[in-house]
Amino acid sequence: MNQGFLDMESVELEFTSEELEQIDEIAFSDHRENRDAAIRELLDQWVKTRDE
C-alpha cells in the first residue's frame, strides 16, 4: 500500500450547520452515507469553481 499521503499537511475545516446538512444530504443520496466522500465531492466542486 502506498503511504505517501502520510507526508501531507493536515487541514482543519469548520462547517456551519447548513453546510453539515448539505454534506449529510449528499452523503445519504450519493455516497451510501459516507460523509468523507461527500466532503471530498464538495471540495472538488469548490476547487473547480475557483479554477474557472
Protein backbone atom coordinates (compact mmCIF):
# COMPACT_ATOMS: atom_id res chain seq x y z
CA MET A 1 0.00 0.00 0.00
CA ASN A 2 1.31 3.43 -0.94
CA GLN A 3 1.63 5.53 2.20
CA GLY A 4 2.88 8.69 0.52
CA PHE A 5 -0.19 10.55 1.74
CA LEU A 6 1.18 10.36 5.29
CA ASP A 7 3.63 13.15 4.42
CA MET A 8 0.81 15.54 3.51
CA GLU A 9 -0.08 18.54 5.62
CA SER A 10 -3.32 18.42 7.54
CA VAL A 11 -6.15 20.89 7.15
CA GLU A 12 -8.87 21.69 9.64
CA LEU A 13 -12.27 22.84 8.38
CA GLU A 14 -15.17 24.34 10.27
CA PHE A 15 -18.65 23.86 8.82
CA THR A 16 -21.85 25.73 9.57
CA SER A 17 -24.96 23.74 10.43
CA GLU A 18 -26.32 24.45 6.92
CA GLU A 19 -23.14 23.08 5.35
CA LEU A 20 -23.31 19.97 7.53
CA GLU A 21 -26.90 19.42 6.41
CA GLN A 22 -25.81 19.69 2.78
CA ILE A 23 -22.95 17.26 3.41
CA ASP A 24 -25.30 14.79 5.06
CA GLU A 25 -27.81 15.08 2.18
CA ILE A 26 -25.08 14.37 -0.40
CA ALA A 27 -23.63 11.58 1.73
CA PHE A 28 -27.02 9.90 2.07
CA SER A 29 -28.14 10.29 -1.54
CA ASP A 30 -24.86 9.79 -3.43
CA HIS A 31 -22.32 8.04 -1.22
CA ARG A 32 -24.08 5.42 0.91
CA GLU A 33 -23.93 7.68 3.96
CA ASN A 34 -20.17 8.26 3.61
CA ARG A 35 -19.67 11.79 4.92
CA ASP A 36 -15.96 11.85 3.93
CA ALA A 37 -16.88 11.18 0.29
CA ALA A 38 -19.48 13.95 0.38
CA ILE A 39 -16.90 16.41 1.76
CA ARG A 40 -14.44 15.42 -0.99
CA GLU A 41 -17.17 15.99 -3.60
CA LEU A 42 -17.97 19.47 -2.25
CA LEU A 43 -14.28 20.39 -2.07
CA ASP A 44 -13.82 19.20 -5.64
CA GLN A 45 -16.74 21.38 -6.77
CA TRP A 46 -15.27 24.36 -4.92
CA VAL A 47 -11.83 23.89 -6.50
CA LYS A 48 -13.36 23.64 -9.97
CA THR A 49 -15.25 26.92 -9.49
CA ARG A 50 -12.05 28.64 -8.36
CA ASP A 51 -10.19 27.43 -11.47
CA GLU A 52 -12.76 28.91 -13.86
